[in-house]
């Protein structure tokens, strides 16, 4: 197979990579689109980084001032000694919006990014225009899944050269979509000084008691006021379609869509379909395939 570079995912867009001061946390971002357009933030998952959404940047930047971030403790963003629970992530996201000069934005979150997005929408309703929650985490207490995420992520940080690829392949319905370039990108991130210590703190949400006090429930999800699209997949390794549909039912007037033959990163495995669903919803239409 021809070598697949991450640059190939963004070659059509003029984009900026930089760092901003988000409440004292040096925060990495990738940004594209007209600065006068409506605002859009993408949030990756546990142990992830902004590159999870590179395949979606160009399509969304045609309509939005689009920002992918490495949120608190992740990617190339600072890793302060904090609790790494939802209030910490939400405070960092609020500070990031402030640093960008965004009064509000639509937020698209995958896995833990969806958890953060939903939490933020509950506690900062005036700052969220629309929500896309993509195979979101934080709404279940499945010990087997929690242990898998904990063990595989920590192992990858402890031996990034060998175990980063299996950690990424676990996310996908088709492991062959994990490119050498994506593996190299994450391996470099996981090999940073201090990453092992940071990841142990980050993984607290895969432990029962911390997770329980941050858990998304019918009661708190019912407080979400922003129009919301929940995207699930037929081969998500963390929860079934039925679980995804139940989570969507907790959110008033939400929409639900299922992408077939994708795992936990549908935005990466089938970017054209994901972009179509996401943009139709974000631009005010009903998500194609919503149920």
Protein backbone atom coordinates (compact mmCIF):
# COMPACT_ATOMS: atom_id res chain seq x y z
CA UNK A 1 0.00 0.00 0.00
CA UNK A 2 1.23 3.53 -0.73
CA UNK A 3 2.47 5.43 2.29
CA UNK A 4 -0.41 7.44 3.78
CA UNK A 5 0.71 10.68 5.37
CA UNK A 6 -1.34 12.79 7.75
CA UNK A 7 -0.54 15.68 5.42
CA UNK A 8 -2.75 13.98 2.85
CA UNK A 9 -5.72 14.51 5.16
CA UNK A 10 -5.28 18.29 5.25
CA UNK A 11 -3.65 19.17 1.93
CA UNK A 12 -6.76 20.96 0.63
CA UNK A 13 -6.99 23.39 3.54
CA UNK A 14 -5.07 26.42 4.65
CA UNK A 15 -4.64 25.78 8.34
CA UNK A 16 -2.71 27.03 11.34
CA UNK A 17 -1.12 25.06 14.16
CA UNK A 18 -0.26 26.94 17.30
CA UNK A 19 -0.41 27.27 21.05
CA UNK A 20 -2.56 29.46 23.25
CA UNK A 21 -2.65 30.21 26.94
CA UNK A 22 -5.86 28.68 28.30
CA UNK A 23 -5.98 29.71 31.94
CA UNK A 24 -2.27 29.14 32.32
CA UNK A 25 -2.25 25.86 30.36
CA UNK A 26 -0.23 25.94 27.15
CA UNK A 27 -2.74 24.43 24.75
CA UNK A 28 -2.11 23.18 21.24
CA UNK A 29 -4.62 23.79 18.47
CA UNK A 30 -5.10 23.25 14.74
CA UNK A 31 -7.39 25.83 13.12
CA UNK A 32 -8.90 26.37 9.68
CA UNK A 33 -11.77 28.33 8.14
CA UNK A 34 -12.99 31.91 7.91
CA UNK A 35 -12.47 33.69 11.23
CA UNK A 36 -15.81 35.45 10.80
CA UNK A 37 -17.73 32.17 10.41
CA UNK A 38 -19.64 30.41 13.21
CA UNK A 39 -17.36 28.68 15.70
CA UNK A 40 -16.74 24.93 15.97
CA UNK A 41 -14.52 22.92 18.36
CA UNK A 42 -13.54 19.25 17.97
CA UNK A 43 -12.57 17.18 21.03
CA UNK A 44 -10.74 13.83 20.71
CA UNK A 45 -10.91 10.87 23.11
CA UNK A 46 -8.98 9.43 26.08
CA UNK A 47 -5.25 9.46 25.45
CA UNK A 48 -5.80 11.07 22.06
CA UNK A 49 -4.89 14.25 20.23
CA UNK A 50 -6.17 16.64 17.58
CA UNK A 51 -5.13 14.44 14.65
CA UNK A 52 -8.17 12.25 15.35
CA UNK A 53 -10.18 14.85 13.40
CA UNK A 54 -7.77 15.81 10.62
CA UNK A 55 -9.93 14.02 8.06
CA UNK A 56 -12.84 16.26 9.01
CA UNK A 57 -11.06 19.61 9.08
CA UNK A 58 -11.42 20.66 5.44
CA UNK A 59 -15.13 19.83 5.12
CA UNK A 60 -16.09 21.66 8.31
CA UNK A 61 -13.78 24.61 7.71
CA UNK A 62 -15.78 25.38 4.55
CA UNK A 63 -18.60 26.49 6.88
CA UNK A 64 -17.07 27.13 10.32
CA UNK A 65 -14.11 28.69 12.05
CA UNK A 66 -12.95 25.21 13.02
CA UNK A 67 -10.54 24.39 15.84
CA UNK A 68 -9.15 21.00 16.81
CA UNK A 69 -7.50 21.03 20.22
CA UNK A 70 -5.36 18.80 22.38
CA UNK A 71 -7.31 19.23 25.58
CA UNK A 72 -5.96 19.23 29.14
CA UNK A 73 -3.11 16.76 29.64
CA UNK A 74 -3.34 15.33 26.13
CA UNK A 75 -1.30 15.51 22.96
CA UNK A 76 1.18 18.38 23.04
CA UNK A 77 -0.84 20.41 25.56
CA UNK A 78 0.52 20.95 29.07
CA UNK A 79 0.01 18.24 31.67
CA UNK A 80 -0.47 19.99 35.01
CA UNK A 81 -0.88 18.07 38.26
CA UNK A 82 -4.68 18.28 38.55
CA UNK A 83 -7.47 15.76 39.15
CA UNK A 84 -8.32 15.14 35.44
CA UNK A 85 -12.03 14.86 36.15
CA UNK A 86 -14.86 16.51 34.26
CA UNK A 87 -14.75 19.85 36.14
CA UNK A 88 -11.05 20.15 35.23
CA UNK A 89 -11.66 19.43 31.55
CA UNK A 90 -14.64 21.78 31.44
CA UNK A 91 -12.64 24.59 33.06
CA UNK A 92 -9.89 24.10 30.50
CA UNK A 93 -12.40 24.12 27.63
CA UNK A 94 -13.94 27.36 28.94
CA UNK A 95 -10.48 28.92 29.18
CA UNK A 96 -9.71 27.73 25.65
CA UNK A 97 -12.86 29.39 24.30
CA UNK A 98 -11.88 32.57 26.15
CA UNK A 99 -8.37 32.48 24.70
CA UNK A 100 -9.79 32.02 21.20
CA UNK A 101 -12.23 34.88 21.75
CA UNK A 102 -15.26 32.59 21.27
CA UNK A 103 -18.34 33.59 23.24
CA UNK A 104 -19.88 30.26 22.21
CA UNK A 105 -19.29 27.44 19.75
CA UNK A 106 -20.72 24.20 18.50
CA UNK A 107 -18.80 21.28 19.97
CA UNK A 108 -18.16 17.89 18.40
CA UNK A 109 -16.71 15.34 20.81
CA UNK A 110 -15.60 11.74 20.28
CA UNK A 111 -15.45 9.25 23.18
CA UNK A 112 -14.22 11.20 26.23
CA UNK A 113 -14.41 14.33 24.08
CA UNK A 114 -18.17 13.70 23.90
CA UNK A 115 -18.27 13.28 27.66
CA UNK A 116 -16.50 16.62 28.10
CA UNK A 117 -18.76 18.27 25.53
CA UNK A 118 -21.93 17.03 27.24
CA UNK A 119 -20.66 18.05 30.70
CA UNK A 120 -19.72 21.47 29.36
CA UNK A 121 -23.15 21.91 27.75
CA UNK A 122 -24.81 21.19 31.10
CA UNK A 123 -22.65 23.61 33.09
CA UNK A 124 -22.13 26.31 30.43
CA UNK A 125 -25.34 26.20 28.36
CA UNK A 126 -24.89 29.73 27.06
CA UNK A 127 -21.56 28.79 25.46
CA UNK A 128 -22.77 25.80 23.40
CA UNK A 129 -24.62 26.28 20.12
CA UNK A 130 -24.95 22.67 18.93
CA UNK A 131 -23.53 19.34 20.09
CA UNK A 132 -22.36 16.30 18.16
CA UNK A 133 -21.62 13.40 20.51
CA UNK A 134 -19.72 10.70 18.64
CA UNK A 135 -19.51 7.29 20.38
CA UNK A 136 -19.38 9.33 23.57
CA UNK A 137 -17.91 7.98 26.78
CA UNK A 138 -18.88 8.50 30.38
CA UNK A 139 -22.46 7.23 30.28
CA UNK A 140 -21.79 3.57 31.13
CA UNK A 141 -20.02 1.62 33.86
CA UNK A 142 -18.78 -1.45 31.99
CA UNK A 143 -15.87 -2.87 34.02
CA UNK A 144 -14.48 -4.91 31.11
CA UNK A 145 -14.36 -1.91 28.76
CA UNK A 146 -12.92 0.32 31.48
CA UNK A 147 -10.17 -2.22 32.19
CA UNK A 148 -9.37 -2.58 28.49
CA UNK A 149 -9.05 1.19 28.00
CA UNK A 150 -6.97 1.52 31.16
CA UNK A 151 -4.63 -1.38 30.44
CA UNK A 152 -4.12 -0.76 26.73
CA UNK A 153 -3.56 2.97 27.12
CA UNK A 154 -1.13 2.69 29.99
CA UNK A 155 0.75 -0.11 28.20
CA UNK A 156 1.07 2.04 25.07
CA UNK A 157 2.53 4.92 27.08
CA UNK A 158 4.96 2.59 28.83
CA UNK A 159 6.08 0.97 25.54
CA UNK A 160 5.03 3.35 22.76
CA UNK A 161 7.24 1.85 20.06
CA UNK A 162 5.53 -1.55 20.36
CA UNK A 163 2.07 -1.01 21.80
CA UNK A 164 0.77 2.23 20.27
CA UNK A 165 -0.40 0.45 17.11
CA UNK A 166 -2.53 -2.17 18.95
CA UNK A 167 -4.10 0.62 21.02
CA UNK A 168 -5.11 2.45 17.83
CA UNK A 169 -6.23 -0.68 15.99
CA UNK A 170 -8.58 -1.55 18.87
CA UNK A 171 -10.56 1.59 18.03
CA UNK A 172 -11.29 0.57 14.45
CA UNK A 173 -13.67 -1.88 12.80
CA UNK A 174 -11.00 -2.27 10.12
CA UNK A 175 -7.55 -2.16 11.77
CA UNK A 176 -5.88 -1.67 8.38
CA UNK A 177 -7.03 1.97 8.36
CA UNK A 178 -4.43 2.71 11.07
CA UNK A 179 -1.59 4.19 9.05
CA UNK A 180 2.09 4.18 9.89
CA UNK A 181 1.96 7.97 10.04
CA UNK A 182 -0.85 7.98 12.62
CA UNK A 183 1.07 5.44 14.71
CA UNK A 184 4.26 7.51 14.46
CA UNK A 185 2.37 10.67 15.47
CA UNK A 186 0.93 9.07 18.61
CA UNK A 187 4.15 7.24 19.44
CA UNK A 188 5.99 10.56 19.52
CA UNK A 189 3.32 12.04 21.80
CA UNK A 190 3.40 9.04 24.14
CA UNK A 191 7.20 9.20 24.37
CA UNK A 192 7.15 12.74 25.81
CA UNK A 193 8.81 13.27 29.20
CA UNK A 194 6.19 13.11 31.93
CA UNK A 195 3.60 11.33 29.77
CA UNK A 196 3.49 8.17 31.89
CA UNK A 197 2.70 10.13 35.05
CA UNK A 198 0.11 12.26 33.26
CA UNK A 199 -1.60 9.23 31.72
CA UNK A 200 -1.96 7.53 35.09
CA UNK A 201 -3.86 10.61 36.29
CA UNK A 202 -5.91 10.82 33.09
CA UNK A 203 -6.99 7.19 33.40
CA UNK A 204 -8.69 7.86 36.75
CA UNK A 205 -11.98 8.00 34.84
CA UNK A 206 -11.57 4.33 33.95
CA UNK A 207 -11.64 3.52 37.69
CA UNK A 208 -15.00 2.91 39.34
CA UNK A 209 -15.27 5.59 42.04
CA UNK A 210 -13.90 8.58 40.09
CA UNK A 211 -15.94 7.54 37.08
CA UNK A 212 -19.12 7.23 39.13
CA UNK A 213 -18.90 10.78 40.46
CA UNK A 214 -18.40 12.09 36.92
CA UNK A 215 -20.93 9.78 35.26
CA UNK A 216 -23.42 11.01 32.70
CA UNK A 217 -26.94 9.91 33.68
CA UNK A 218 -30.52 10.40 32.46
CA UNK A 219 -30.87 13.14 35.10
CA UNK A 220 -27.89 15.25 34.10
CA UNK A 221 -28.09 14.56 30.37
CA UNK A 222 -31.70 15.69 30.55
CA UNK A 223 -30.41 19.18 31.40
CA UNK A 224 -28.74 19.62 28.00
CA UNK A 225 -30.44 22.48 26.15
CA UNK A 226 -28.34 22.58 22.98
CA UNK A 227 -29.63 20.78 19.90
CA UNK A 228 -27.74 17.48 19.92
CA UNK A 229 -26.86 14.74 17.44
CA UNK A 230 -25.64 11.44 18.87
CA UNK A 231 -23.66 9.35 16.39
CA UNK A 232 -23.05 5.68 17.09
CA UNK A 233 -21.60 2.82 15.10
CA UNK A 234 -22.46 -0.79 14.44
CA UNK A 235 -19.04 -2.04 15.62
CA UNK A 236 -18.13 0.27 18.47
CA UNK A 237 -15.97 -1.71 20.94
CA UNK A 238 -17.18 0.27 23.96
CA UNK A 239 -20.98 0.04 23.76
CA UNK A 240 -23.75 -1.32 21.57
CA UNK A 241 -26.06 0.59 19.23
CA UNK A 242 -28.85 -0.02 21.74
CA UNK A 243 -26.79 1.67 24.45
CA UNK A 244 -26.09 4.60 22.15
CA UNK A 245 -29.78 4.93 21.37
CA UNK A 246 -30.61 4.91 25.08
CA UNK A 247 -28.04 7.65 25.76
CA UNK A 248 -29.60 9.75 23.00
CA UNK A 249 -33.04 9.25 24.54
CA UNK A 250 -31.84 11.00 27.71
CA UNK A 251 -31.26 14.28 25.85
CA UNK A 252 -34.36 16.36 25.09
CA UNK A 253 -35.20 16.43 21.37
CA UNK A 254 -31.90 14.87 20.37
CA UNK A 255 -31.24 13.10 17.08
CA UNK A 256 -29.59 9.71 16.69
CA UNK A 257 -27.71 8.24 13.76
CA UNK A 258 -25.85 4.97 13.24
CA UNK A 259 -22.85 4.56 10.95
CA UNK A 260 -22.40 1.00 9.72
CA UNK A 261 -19.16 -0.99 9.80
CA UNK A 262 -17.23 1.56 11.87
CA UNK A 263 -15.64 1.27 15.28
CA UNK A 264 -14.93 3.99 17.83
CA UNK A 265 -13.51 6.50 15.31
CA UNK A 266 -16.17 6.76 12.58
CA UNK A 267 -14.93 10.26 11.75
CA UNK A 268 -11.63 8.66 10.72
CA UNK A 269 -12.82 5.35 9.23
CA UNK A 270 -15.58 6.86 7.07
CA UNK A 271 -14.89 10.61 6.99
CA UNK A 272 -17.14 11.42 4.02
CA UNK A 273 -20.19 9.86 5.68
CA UNK A 274 -19.35 11.39 9.04
CA UNK A 275 -18.82 14.83 7.53
CA UNK A 276 -22.16 14.64 5.73
CA UNK A 277 -24.03 13.68 8.90
CA UNK A 278 -22.24 16.21 11.05
CA UNK A 279 -22.55 19.14 8.68
CA UNK A 280 -26.19 18.55 7.86
CA UNK A 281 -26.94 18.72 11.56
CA UNK A 282 -24.59 21.59 12.42
CA UNK A 283 -25.94 23.70 9.59
CA UNK A 284 -29.45 23.30 10.90
CA UNK A 285 -30.81 20.28 9.07
CA UNK A 286 -31.79 16.92 10.44
CA UNK A 287 -28.92 14.42 10.36
CA UNK A 288 -29.27 11.99 7.47
CA UNK A 289 -29.97 8.56 8.89
CA UNK A 290 -31.19 10.00 12.19
CA UNK A 291 -33.74 7.95 14.03
